[in-house]
Amino acid sequence: MLAVVPLLLAGGAFAEEKTMTPLSSGVPMIEGIKALEVGASAPDFSVKDTEGKVFNFGEEKGKAPTILVFWSIFCEPCRVEMPIIERLHEKYKSAGLSVLAIALDGEPLKNSILGFVKQEGYTFRVLIDELDEKEMFKVADPFGVGGTPTVYLVDRSGKVALAKVGRFKEEDLDKAIQSTLKK
């Protein structure tokens, strides 16, 4: 055990790490990853939710405006933002808003994700991102997610109406939802 400590302190870790660039909001971002811009088409995807049911965004996209929240149970800013997402979900679900929270923690932590969601009382659908054959996230990578939380609002036409990486103001997201629901 003691032999490992000097190795780590001397920079002896062998895994190559991507450089992280902190945003003004304090969220570290993986360099070189660019989030989707407003007006871009939201990519289709298919992954399982916490109950093991397959969700296909391509079949749902366009039926209703959708908030996509990319998060992790280990992300402290996510833990602050998720109650806001729940409040907005409750406020606008009867108007047709759909909310999808995409956990980047992976299948091995499914029970922890499910436990956290139940403990906090979240009622929106939670999906678990997974790696494809190229070791790329099936959902986060096509959306250009380089840090958490990342929030997208996708309108009825399947286009990105709002893209936000890091902390956000509830009022700003609320206004964007109202505007998207009117279209």
N, C-alpha and C. Protein backbone atom coordinates (compact mmCIF):
# COMPACT_ATOMS: atom_id res chain seq x y z
N MET A 1 0.83 -1.20 0.00
CA MET A 1 0.00 0.00 0.00
C MET A 1 0.87 1.25 0.00
N LEU A 2 1.88 1.29 0.86
CA LEU A 2 2.74 2.46 0.93
C LEU A 2 3.54 2.67 -0.35
N ALA A 3 3.85 1.60 -1.06
CA ALA A 3 4.60 1.71 -2.32
C ALA A 3 3.76 2.38 -3.41
N VAL A 4 2.45 2.27 -3.32
CA VAL A 4 1.56 2.86 -4.31
C VAL A 4 1.48 4.37 -4.14
N VAL A 5 1.49 4.85 -2.90
CA VAL A 5 1.33 6.28 -2.64
C VAL A 5 2.42 7.10 -3.31
N PRO A 6 3.73 6.78 -3.14
CA PRO A 6 4.75 7.59 -3.83
C PRO A 6 4.59 7.54 -5.35
N LEU A 7 4.19 6.38 -5.87
CA LEU A 7 4.00 6.25 -7.31
C LEU A 7 2.92 7.21 -7.80
N LEU A 8 1.81 7.28 -7.05
CA LEU A 8 0.72 8.19 -7.43
C LEU A 8 1.14 9.64 -7.25
N LEU A 9 1.85 9.93 -6.16
CA LEU A 9 2.30 11.30 -5.92
C LEU A 9 3.30 11.76 -6.97
N ALA A 10 4.06 10.84 -7.50
CA ALA A 10 5.06 11.17 -8.52
C ALA A 10 4.45 11.20 -9.92
N GLY A 11 3.12 11.08 -10.00
CA GLY A 11 2.47 11.11 -11.31
C GLY A 11 2.57 9.79 -12.01
N GLY A 12 2.66 8.72 -11.25
CA GLY A 12 2.84 7.40 -11.83
C GLY A 12 1.57 6.72 -12.28
N ALA A 13 0.46 7.40 -12.26
CA ALA A 13 -0.78 6.78 -12.75
C ALA A 13 -0.65 6.61 -14.26
N PHE A 14 -1.04 5.45 -14.77
CA PHE A 14 -0.83 5.15 -16.18
C PHE A 14 -1.99 5.52 -17.08
N ALA A 15 -3.18 5.66 -16.53
CA ALA A 15 -4.34 5.96 -17.36
C ALA A 15 -4.21 7.38 -17.92
N GLU A 16 -4.50 7.53 -19.19
CA GLU A 16 -4.46 8.84 -19.82
C GLU A 16 -5.76 9.55 -19.50
N GLU A 17 -5.65 10.79 -19.04
CA GLU A 17 -6.84 11.55 -18.69
C GLU A 17 -7.04 12.67 -19.68
N LYS A 18 -8.29 12.96 -19.98
CA LYS A 18 -8.62 14.11 -20.82
C LYS A 18 -8.47 15.37 -19.96
N THR A 19 -8.03 16.44 -20.56
CA THR A 19 -7.89 17.71 -19.87
C THR A 19 -9.27 18.30 -19.60
N MET A 20 -9.46 18.79 -18.40
CA MET A 20 -10.74 19.38 -18.02
C MET A 20 -10.60 20.89 -17.99
N THR A 21 -11.53 21.60 -18.56
CA THR A 21 -11.56 23.04 -18.56
C THR A 21 -12.76 23.50 -17.74
N PRO A 22 -12.52 24.20 -16.62
CA PRO A 22 -13.68 24.63 -15.82
C PRO A 22 -14.44 25.75 -16.54
N LEU A 23 -15.76 25.67 -16.48
CA LEU A 23 -16.61 26.73 -17.01
C LEU A 23 -16.72 27.83 -15.97
N SER A 24 -17.29 28.95 -16.36
CA SER A 24 -17.50 30.03 -15.40
C SER A 24 -18.43 29.57 -14.28
N SER A 25 -19.27 28.56 -14.56
CA SER A 25 -20.18 28.05 -13.54
C SER A 25 -19.49 27.05 -12.61
N GLY A 26 -18.19 26.79 -12.85
CA GLY A 26 -17.44 25.90 -11.99
C GLY A 26 -17.53 24.44 -12.38
N VAL A 27 -18.22 24.11 -13.47
CA VAL A 27 -18.35 22.74 -13.91
C VAL A 27 -17.17 22.40 -14.81
N PRO A 28 -16.40 21.36 -14.45
CA PRO A 28 -15.30 20.99 -15.34
C PRO A 28 -15.83 20.35 -16.62
N MET A 29 -15.24 20.72 -17.73
CA MET A 29 -15.65 20.22 -19.04
C MET A 29 -14.50 19.46 -19.66
N ILE A 30 -14.80 18.41 -20.42
CA ILE A 30 -13.78 17.70 -21.16
C ILE A 30 -13.46 18.53 -22.39
N GLU A 31 -12.20 18.87 -22.54
CA GLU A 31 -11.76 19.70 -23.66
C GLU A 31 -12.06 19.04 -25.00
N GLY A 32 -12.47 19.84 -25.97
CA GLY A 32 -12.67 19.34 -27.31
C GLY A 32 -14.08 18.82 -27.57
N ILE A 33 -14.93 18.81 -26.57
CA ILE A 33 -16.31 18.36 -26.78
C ILE A 33 -17.19 19.59 -26.85
N LYS A 34 -17.98 19.67 -27.91
CA LYS A 34 -18.84 20.83 -28.14
C LYS A 34 -20.30 20.40 -28.04
N ALA A 35 -21.03 21.09 -27.17
CA ALA A 35 -22.45 20.80 -26.98
C ALA A 35 -23.23 21.17 -28.24
N LEU A 36 -24.37 20.51 -28.43
CA LEU A 36 -25.25 20.88 -29.54
C LEU A 36 -25.70 22.31 -29.37
N GLU A 37 -25.87 22.99 -30.47
CA GLU A 37 -26.30 24.38 -30.42
C GLU A 37 -27.80 24.49 -30.64
N VAL A 38 -28.35 25.60 -30.20
CA VAL A 38 -29.77 25.88 -30.42
C VAL A 38 -30.04 25.83 -31.93
N GLY A 39 -31.10 25.14 -32.30
CA GLY A 39 -31.48 24.98 -33.70
C GLY A 39 -31.02 23.67 -34.31
N ALA A 40 -30.07 22.99 -33.66
CA ALA A 40 -29.60 21.70 -34.16
C ALA A 40 -30.66 20.63 -33.95
N SER A 41 -30.66 19.63 -34.80
CA SER A 41 -31.58 18.50 -34.62
C SER A 41 -31.07 17.62 -33.48
N ALA A 42 -31.98 17.27 -32.59
CA ALA A 42 -31.62 16.38 -31.48
C ALA A 42 -31.43 14.98 -32.02
N PRO A 43 -30.31 14.33 -31.69
CA PRO A 43 -30.07 12.97 -32.19
C PRO A 43 -31.06 11.95 -31.62
N ASP A 44 -31.37 10.95 -32.41
CA ASP A 44 -32.19 9.84 -31.93
C ASP A 44 -31.30 8.91 -31.10
N PHE A 45 -31.90 8.22 -30.17
CA PHE A 45 -31.16 7.24 -29.37
C PHE A 45 -32.14 6.22 -28.79
N SER A 46 -31.57 5.13 -28.34
CA SER A 46 -32.36 4.07 -27.71
C SER A 46 -31.54 3.47 -26.58
N VAL A 47 -32.02 3.62 -25.34
CA VAL A 47 -31.38 3.06 -24.15
C VAL A 47 -32.47 2.60 -23.18
N LYS A 48 -32.06 1.90 -22.14
CA LYS A 48 -33.01 1.41 -21.14
C LYS A 48 -33.18 2.42 -20.01
N ASP A 49 -34.36 2.37 -19.39
CA ASP A 49 -34.60 3.18 -18.21
C ASP A 49 -34.23 2.36 -16.96
N THR A 50 -34.47 2.93 -15.79
CA THR A 50 -34.09 2.26 -14.55
C THR A 50 -34.91 1.00 -14.29
N GLU A 51 -36.02 0.84 -14.99
CA GLU A 51 -36.85 -0.36 -14.85
C GLU A 51 -36.47 -1.43 -15.87
N GLY A 52 -35.51 -1.11 -16.74
CA GLY A 52 -35.07 -2.07 -17.76
C GLY A 52 -35.87 -2.00 -19.05
N LYS A 53 -36.79 -1.03 -19.15
CA LYS A 53 -37.59 -0.88 -20.37
C LYS A 53 -36.83 -0.02 -21.37
N VAL A 54 -36.85 -0.44 -22.63
CA VAL A 54 -36.16 0.30 -23.69
C VAL A 54 -36.95 1.56 -24.03
N PHE A 55 -36.24 2.67 -24.12
CA PHE A 55 -36.83 3.94 -24.52
C PHE A 55 -36.17 4.36 -25.82
N ASN A 56 -37.00 4.68 -26.83
CA ASN A 56 -36.51 5.11 -28.13
C ASN A 56 -36.92 6.57 -28.35
N PHE A 57 -35.94 7.46 -28.26
CA PHE A 57 -36.22 8.89 -28.41
C PHE A 57 -36.75 9.23 -29.80
N GLY A 58 -36.30 8.53 -30.81
CA GLY A 58 -36.75 8.77 -32.19
C GLY A 58 -38.25 8.58 -32.34
N GLU A 59 -38.82 7.67 -31.57
CA GLU A 59 -40.27 7.43 -31.62
C GLU A 59 -41.05 8.49 -30.84
N GLU A 60 -40.41 9.12 -29.87
CA GLU A 60 -41.08 10.10 -29.01
C GLU A 60 -40.83 11.54 -29.43
N LYS A 61 -39.68 11.76 -30.06
CA LYS A 61 -39.30 13.12 -30.46
C LYS A 61 -40.36 13.69 -31.39
N GLY A 62 -40.74 14.90 -31.12
CA GLY A 62 -41.73 15.56 -31.96
C GLY A 62 -43.14 15.47 -31.40
N LYS A 63 -43.39 14.56 -30.47
CA LYS A 63 -44.72 14.45 -29.87
C LYS A 63 -44.95 15.55 -28.84
N ALA A 64 -43.90 15.90 -28.12
CA ALA A 64 -44.01 16.90 -27.06
C ALA A 64 -42.65 17.52 -26.81
N PRO A 65 -42.62 18.76 -26.34
CA PRO A 65 -41.33 19.33 -25.93
C PRO A 65 -40.72 18.46 -24.83
N THR A 66 -39.40 18.31 -24.87
CA THR A 66 -38.73 17.41 -23.93
C THR A 66 -37.51 18.07 -23.34
N ILE A 67 -37.39 17.94 -22.01
CA ILE A 67 -36.16 18.34 -21.33
C ILE A 67 -35.32 17.09 -21.20
N LEU A 68 -34.07 17.20 -21.61
CA LEU A 68 -33.09 16.13 -21.42
C LEU A 68 -32.05 16.65 -20.42
N VAL A 69 -31.90 15.96 -19.31
CA VAL A 69 -30.94 16.34 -18.29
C VAL A 69 -29.88 15.25 -18.20
N PHE A 70 -28.65 15.59 -18.49
CA PHE A 70 -27.54 14.65 -18.35
C PHE A 70 -26.91 14.89 -16.98
N TRP A 71 -26.84 13.83 -16.18
CA TRP A 71 -26.43 13.99 -14.78
C TRP A 71 -25.72 12.74 -14.27
N SER A 72 -25.24 12.84 -13.04
CA SER A 72 -24.60 11.72 -12.35
C SER A 72 -24.95 11.80 -10.88
N ILE A 73 -25.05 10.65 -10.24
CA ILE A 73 -25.33 10.66 -8.79
C ILE A 73 -24.14 11.22 -8.01
N PHE A 74 -22.98 11.31 -8.64
CA PHE A 74 -21.78 11.83 -7.98
C PHE A 74 -21.57 13.32 -8.24
N CYS A 75 -22.44 13.93 -9.01
CA CYS A 75 -22.32 15.33 -9.41
C CYS A 75 -23.09 16.21 -8.43
N GLU A 76 -22.36 16.99 -7.64
CA GLU A 76 -23.01 17.84 -6.64
C GLU A 76 -23.91 18.90 -7.28
N PRO A 77 -23.46 19.60 -8.34
CA PRO A 77 -24.38 20.57 -8.97
C PRO A 77 -25.65 19.89 -9.50
N CYS A 78 -25.54 18.64 -9.94
CA CYS A 78 -26.72 17.91 -10.42
C CYS A 78 -27.72 17.73 -9.28
N ARG A 79 -27.21 17.42 -8.11
CA ARG A 79 -28.09 17.21 -6.95
C ARG A 79 -28.86 18.48 -6.59
N VAL A 80 -28.25 19.63 -6.89
CA VAL A 80 -28.92 20.92 -6.65
C VAL A 80 -29.96 21.19 -7.74
N GLU A 81 -29.65 20.83 -8.98
CA GLU A 81 -30.52 21.13 -10.11
C GLU A 81 -31.71 20.18 -10.25
N MET A 82 -31.55 18.93 -9.83
CA MET A 82 -32.61 17.94 -10.03
C MET A 82 -33.94 18.32 -9.37
N PRO A 83 -33.97 18.89 -8.17
CA PRO A 83 -35.26 19.32 -7.61
C PRO A 83 -35.94 20.39 -8.46
N ILE A 84 -35.15 21.23 -9.12
CA ILE A 84 -35.71 22.25 -10.03
C ILE A 84 -36.37 21.55 -11.21
N ILE A 85 -35.69 20.56 -11.76
CA ILE A 85 -36.25 19.79 -12.88
C ILE A 85 -37.55 19.13 -12.46
N GLU A 86 -37.59 18.58 -11.25
CA GLU A 86 -38.82 17.94 -10.76
C GLU A 86 -39.96 18.95 -10.63
N ARG A 87 -39.66 20.13 -10.09
CA ARG A 87 -40.71 21.17 -9.96
C ARG A 87 -41.26 21.57 -11.32
N LEU A 88 -40.37 21.75 -12.29
CA LEU A 88 -40.82 22.14 -13.63
C LEU A 88 -41.57 21.00 -14.31
N HIS A 89 -41.16 19.78 -14.06
CA HIS A 89 -41.88 18.61 -14.58
C HIS A 89 -43.30 18.59 -14.04
N GLU A 90 -43.45 18.77 -12.75
CA GLU A 90 -44.79 18.77 -12.13
C GLU A 90 -45.63 19.94 -12.65
N LYS A 91 -45.00 21.08 -12.84
CA LYS A 91 -45.71 22.28 -13.29
C LYS A 91 -46.23 22.16 -14.72
N TYR A 92 -45.44 21.51 -15.60
CA TYR A 92 -45.77 21.52 -17.03
C TYR A 92 -46.13 20.17 -17.65
N LYS A 93 -46.16 19.10 -16.86
CA LYS A 93 -46.46 17.80 -17.47
C LYS A 93 -47.87 17.76 -18.04
N SER A 94 -48.81 18.43 -17.42
CA SER A 94 -50.18 18.43 -17.95
C SER A 94 -50.28 19.25 -19.24
N ALA A 95 -49.30 20.13 -19.48
CA ALA A 95 -49.25 20.91 -20.72
C ALA A 95 -48.52 20.15 -21.81
N GLY A 96 -48.00 18.96 -21.48
CA GLY A 96 -47.37 18.12 -22.48
C GLY A 96 -45.86 18.02 -22.40
N LEU A 97 -45.23 18.67 -21.42
CA LEU A 97 -43.77 18.60 -21.30
C LEU A 97 -43.33 17.21 -20.85
N SER A 98 -42.32 16.69 -21.52
CA SER A 98 -41.73 15.42 -21.15
C SER A 98 -40.34 15.70 -20.56
N VAL A 99 -39.96 14.95 -19.53
CA VAL A 99 -38.65 15.11 -18.92
C VAL A 99 -37.94 13.76 -18.90
N LEU A 100 -36.72 13.76 -19.40
CA LEU A 100 -35.87 12.57 -19.38
C LEU A 100 -34.56 12.93 -18.70
N ALA A 101 -34.23 12.22 -17.65
CA ALA A 101 -32.96 12.40 -16.96
C ALA A 101 -32.06 11.24 -17.38
N ILE A 102 -30.94 11.56 -18.01
CA ILE A 102 -30.04 10.53 -18.51
C ILE A 102 -28.84 10.42 -17.57
N ALA A 103 -28.80 9.32 -16.82
CA ALA A 103 -27.72 9.10 -15.87
C ALA A 103 -26.49 8.57 -16.60
N LEU A 104 -25.36 9.19 -16.36
CA LEU A 104 -24.12 8.80 -17.02
C LEU A 104 -23.31 7.81 -16.18
N ASP A 105 -23.89 7.32 -15.11
CA ASP A 105 -23.19 6.43 -14.19
C ASP A 105 -23.11 4.99 -14.68
N GLY A 106 -23.96 4.62 -15.63
CA GLY A 106 -23.89 3.29 -16.22
C GLY A 106 -24.67 2.21 -15.50
N GLU A 107 -24.85 1.12 -16.20
CA GLU A 107 -25.62 -0.04 -15.72
C GLU A 107 -25.13 -0.60 -14.39
N PRO A 108 -23.82 -0.66 -14.13
CA PRO A 108 -23.37 -1.21 -12.85
C PRO A 108 -23.91 -0.45 -11.63
N LEU A 109 -24.25 0.82 -11.81
CA LEU A 109 -24.77 1.62 -10.70
C LEU A 109 -26.29 1.83 -10.77
N LYS A 110 -26.95 1.01 -11.57
CA LYS A 110 -28.40 1.15 -11.76
C LYS A 110 -29.16 1.15 -10.43
N ASN A 111 -28.83 0.25 -9.54
CA ASN A 111 -29.55 0.19 -8.26
C ASN A 111 -29.32 1.45 -7.42
N SER A 112 -28.11 1.99 -7.47
CA SER A 112 -27.82 3.23 -6.75
C SER A 112 -28.59 4.40 -7.36
N ILE A 113 -28.64 4.44 -8.68
CA ILE A 113 -29.40 5.49 -9.38
C ILE A 113 -30.87 5.40 -9.01
N LEU A 114 -31.42 4.20 -9.10
CA LEU A 114 -32.83 3.98 -8.78
C LEU A 114 -33.13 4.34 -7.32
N GLY A 115 -32.24 3.96 -6.42
CA GLY A 115 -32.42 4.29 -5.00
C GLY A 115 -32.42 5.79 -4.77
N PHE A 116 -31.51 6.50 -5.43
CA PHE A 116 -31.45 7.95 -5.30
C PHE A 116 -32.72 8.60 -5.83
N VAL A 117 -33.16 8.16 -7.00
CA VAL A 117 -34.37 8.72 -7.62
C VAL A 117 -35.59 8.50 -6.72
N LYS A 118 -35.72 7.31 -6.18
CA LYS A 118 -36.85 7.02 -5.28
C LYS A 118 -36.75 7.80 -3.99
N GLN A 119 -35.56 7.88 -3.42
CA GLN A 119 -35.34 8.62 -2.18
C GLN A 119 -35.74 10.09 -2.33
N GLU A 120 -35.40 10.66 -3.47
CA GLU A 120 -35.68 12.08 -3.71
C GLU A 120 -37.11 12.32 -4.21
N GLY A 121 -37.80 11.25 -4.60
CA GLY A 121 -39.19 11.39 -5.04
C GLY A 121 -39.35 11.92 -6.45
N TYR A 122 -38.37 11.72 -7.30
CA TYR A 122 -38.47 12.20 -8.68
C TYR A 122 -39.47 11.34 -9.45
N THR A 123 -40.30 12.00 -10.24
CA THR A 123 -41.35 11.30 -10.98
C THR A 123 -41.12 11.27 -12.48
N PHE A 124 -40.08 11.94 -12.96
CA PHE A 124 -39.77 11.91 -14.38
C PHE A 124 -39.04 10.61 -14.71
N ARG A 125 -38.95 10.31 -16.00
CA ARG A 125 -38.32 9.07 -16.44
C ARG A 125 -36.80 9.20 -16.40
N VAL A 126 -36.14 8.19 -15.86
CA VAL A 126 -34.69 8.19 -15.76
C VAL A 126 -34.13 7.08 -16.64
N LEU A 127 -33.26 7.48 -17.55
CA LEU A 127 -32.61 6.56 -18.47
C LEU A 127 -31.16 6.37 -18.06
N ILE A 128 -30.60 5.23 -18.40
CA ILE A 128 -29.20 4.96 -18.08
C ILE A 128 -28.41 4.87 -19.37
N ASP A 129 -27.51 5.85 -19.55
CA ASP A 129 -26.68 5.85 -20.75
C ASP A 129 -25.74 4.65 -20.69
N GLU A 130 -25.38 4.16 -21.85
CA GLU A 130 -24.49 3.00 -21.92
C GLU A 130 -23.49 3.20 -23.04
N LEU A 131 -22.43 2.42 -22.99
CA LEU A 131 -21.39 2.50 -24.01
C LEU A 131 -21.73 1.62 -25.20
N ASP A 132 -21.38 2.12 -26.40
CA ASP A 132 -21.58 1.31 -27.60
C ASP A 132 -20.32 0.49 -27.87
N GLU A 133 -20.27 -0.14 -29.01
CA GLU A 133 -19.13 -1.01 -29.34
C GLU A 133 -17.82 -0.23 -29.48
N LYS A 134 -17.89 1.09 -29.67
CA LYS A 134 -16.69 1.92 -29.78
C LYS A 134 -16.33 2.58 -28.45
N GLU A 135 -17.01 2.15 -27.37
CA GLU A 135 -16.79 2.71 -26.03
C GLU A 135 -17.20 4.19 -25.96
N MET A 136 -18.21 4.54 -26.74
CA MET A 136 -18.76 5.90 -26.72
C MET A 136 -20.14 5.83 -26.06
N PHE A 137 -20.51 6.87 -25.32
CA PHE A 137 -21.85 6.91 -24.75
C PHE A 137 -22.87 7.00 -25.87
N LYS A 138 -23.91 6.18 -25.80
CA LYS A 138 -24.94 6.16 -26.83
C LYS A 138 -25.73 7.47 -26.89
N VAL A 139 -25.90 8.13 -25.76
CA VAL A 139 -26.70 9.36 -25.73
C VAL A 139 -25.82 10.59 -25.52
N ALA A 140 -24.99 10.59 -24.50
CA ALA A 140 -24.22 11.78 -24.15
C ALA A 140 -23.26 12.23 -25.25
N ASP A 141 -22.59 11.29 -25.90
CA ASP A 141 -21.62 11.69 -26.93
C ASP A 141 -22.28 12.35 -28.15
N PRO A 142 -23.35 11.79 -28.71
CA PRO A 142 -24.00 12.49 -29.83
C PRO A 142 -24.55 13.87 -29.46
N PHE A 143 -24.89 14.05 -28.18
CA PHE A 143 -25.38 15.35 -27.72
C PHE A 143 -24.24 16.30 -27.34
N GLY A 144 -23.01 15.82 -27.38
CA GLY A 144 -21.86 16.67 -27.05
C GLY A 144 -21.78 17.02 -25.58
N VAL A 145 -22.12 16.09 -24.71
CA VAL A 145 -22.09 16.35 -23.28
C VAL A 145 -20.65 16.16 -22.79
N GLY A 146 -20.07 17.26 -22.30
CA GLY A 146 -18.71 17.23 -21.81
C GLY A 146 -18.61 17.48 -20.33
N GLY A 147 -19.74 17.67 -19.67
CA GLY A 147 -19.79 17.92 -18.23
C GLY A 147 -21.21 17.82 -17.74
N THR A 148 -21.36 17.66 -16.44
CA THR A 148 -22.70 17.55 -15.85
C THR A 148 -22.89 18.63 -14.80
N PRO A 149 -24.09 19.15 -14.67
CA PRO A 149 -25.26 18.82 -15.46
C PRO A 149 -25.24 19.53 -16.83
N THR A 150 -25.86 18.89 -17.79
CA THR A 150 -26.12 19.49 -19.09
C THR A 150 -27.60 19.33 -19.36
N VAL A 151 -28.25 20.42 -19.76
CA VAL A 151 -29.69 20.42 -19.99
C VAL A 151 -29.97 20.87 -21.42
N TYR A 152 -30.82 20.10 -22.08
CA TYR A 152 -31.33 20.48 -23.40
C TYR A 152 -32.84 20.53 -23.32
N LEU A 153 -33.41 21.50 -24.01
CA LEU A 153 -34.85 21.55 -24.23
C LEU A 153 -35.05 21.34 -25.72
N VAL A 154 -35.77 20.28 -26.06
CA VAL A 154 -36.02 19.93 -27.46
C VAL A 154 -37.47 20.25 -27.76
N ASP A 155 -37.71 21.01 -28.84
CA ASP A 155 -39.08 21.40 -29.18
C ASP A 155 -39.81 20.30 -29.94
N ARG A 156 -41.05 20.58 -30.30
CA ARG A 156 -41.89 19.58 -30.98
C ARG A 156 -41.36 19.18 -32.36
N SER A 157 -40.54 20.03 -32.95
CA SER A 157 -39.98 19.70 -34.26
C SER A 157 -38.70 18.88 -34.15
N GLY A 158 -38.26 18.59 -32.90
CA GLY A 158 -37.05 17.81 -32.69
C GLY A 158 -35.78 18.63 -32.70
N LYS A 159 -35.93 19.96 -32.65
CA LYS A 159 -34.77 20.86 -32.65
C LYS A 159 -34.45 21.32 -31.22
N VAL A 160 -33.18 21.57 -30.98
CA VAL A 160 -32.74 22.08 -29.69
C VAL A 160 -33.21 23.52 -29.54
N ALA A 161 -34.01 23.78 -28.51
CA ALA A 161 -34.52 25.12 -28.23
C ALA A 161 -33.68 25.81 -27.16
N LEU A 162 -33.01 25.01 -26.33
CA LEU A 162 -32.16 25.54 -25.26
C LEU A 162 -31.07 24.52 -24.98
N ALA A 163 -29.86 25.01 -24.78
CA ALA A 163 -28.74 24.15 -24.41
C ALA A 163 -27.99 24.85 -23.29
N LYS A 164 -27.82 24.16 -22.17
CA LYS A 164 -27.15 24.78 -21.01
C LYS A 164 -26.26 23.75 -20.34
N VAL A 165 -24.99 24.10 -20.19
CA VAL A 165 -24.04 23.25 -19.47
C VAL A 165 -23.76 23.93 -18.14
N GLY A 166 -23.87 23.16 -17.07
CA GLY A 166 -23.61 23.71 -15.75
C GLY A 166 -24.89 24.19 -15.07
N ARG A 167 -24.69 24.95 -14.03
CA ARG A 167 -25.83 25.44 -13.24
C ARG A 167 -26.72 26.35 -14.09
N PHE A 168 -28.00 26.35 -13.77
CA PHE A 168 -28.94 27.21 -14.49
C PHE A 168 -29.92 27.81 -13.50
N LYS A 169 -30.55 28.88 -13.94
CA LYS A 169 -31.56 29.54 -13.11
C LYS A 169 -32.92 28.94 -13.45
N GLU A 170 -33.68 28.64 -12.43
CA GLU A 170 -35.01 28.05 -12.63
C GLU A 170 -35.87 28.96 -13.50
N GLU A 171 -35.78 30.26 -13.27
CA GLU A 171 -36.61 31.21 -14.04
C GLU A 171 -36.28 31.15 -15.53
N ASP A 172 -35.00 31.01 -15.86
CA ASP A 172 -34.59 30.96 -17.27
C ASP A 172 -35.14 29.71 -17.96
N LEU A 173 -35.03 28.58 -17.28
CA LEU A 173 -35.54 27.33 -17.85
C LEU A 173 -37.06 27.37 -17.94
N ASP A 174 -37.70 27.94 -16.93
CA ASP A 174 -39.16 28.08 -16.92
C ASP A 174 -39.62 28.90 -18.13
N LYS A 175 -38.96 30.04 -18.38
CA LYS A 175 -39.32 30.89 -19.53
C LYS A 175 -39.14 30.15 -20.85
N ALA A 176 -38.05 29.41 -20.97
CA ALA A 176 -37.78 28.66 -22.20
C ALA A 176 -38.85 27.58 -22.41
N ILE A 177 -39.27 26.93 -21.34
CA ILE A 177 -40.32 25.92 -21.43
C ILE A 177 -41.63 26.56 -21.89
N GLN A 178 -41.99 27.68 -21.27
CA GLN A 178 -43.23 28.38 -21.63
C GLN A 178 -43.21 28.75 -23.10
N SER A 179 -42.11 29.28 -23.56
CA SER A 179 -41.98 29.69 -24.96
C SER A 179 -42.10 28.48 -25.88
N THR A 180 -41.47 27.38 -25.53
CA THR A 180 -41.50 26.17 -26.37
C THR A 180 -42.88 25.55 -26.39
N LEU A 181 -43.58 25.58 -25.28
CA LEU A 181 -44.94 25.01 -25.22
C LEU A 181 -45.92 25.80 -26.09
N LYS A 182 -45.67 27.11 -26.29
CA LYS A 182 -46.57 27.94 -27.09
C LYS A 182 -46.43 27.68 -28.57
N LYS A 183 -45.29 27.11 -28.99
CA LYS A 183 -45.03 26.90 -30.41
C LYS A 183 -45.73 25.66 -30.93
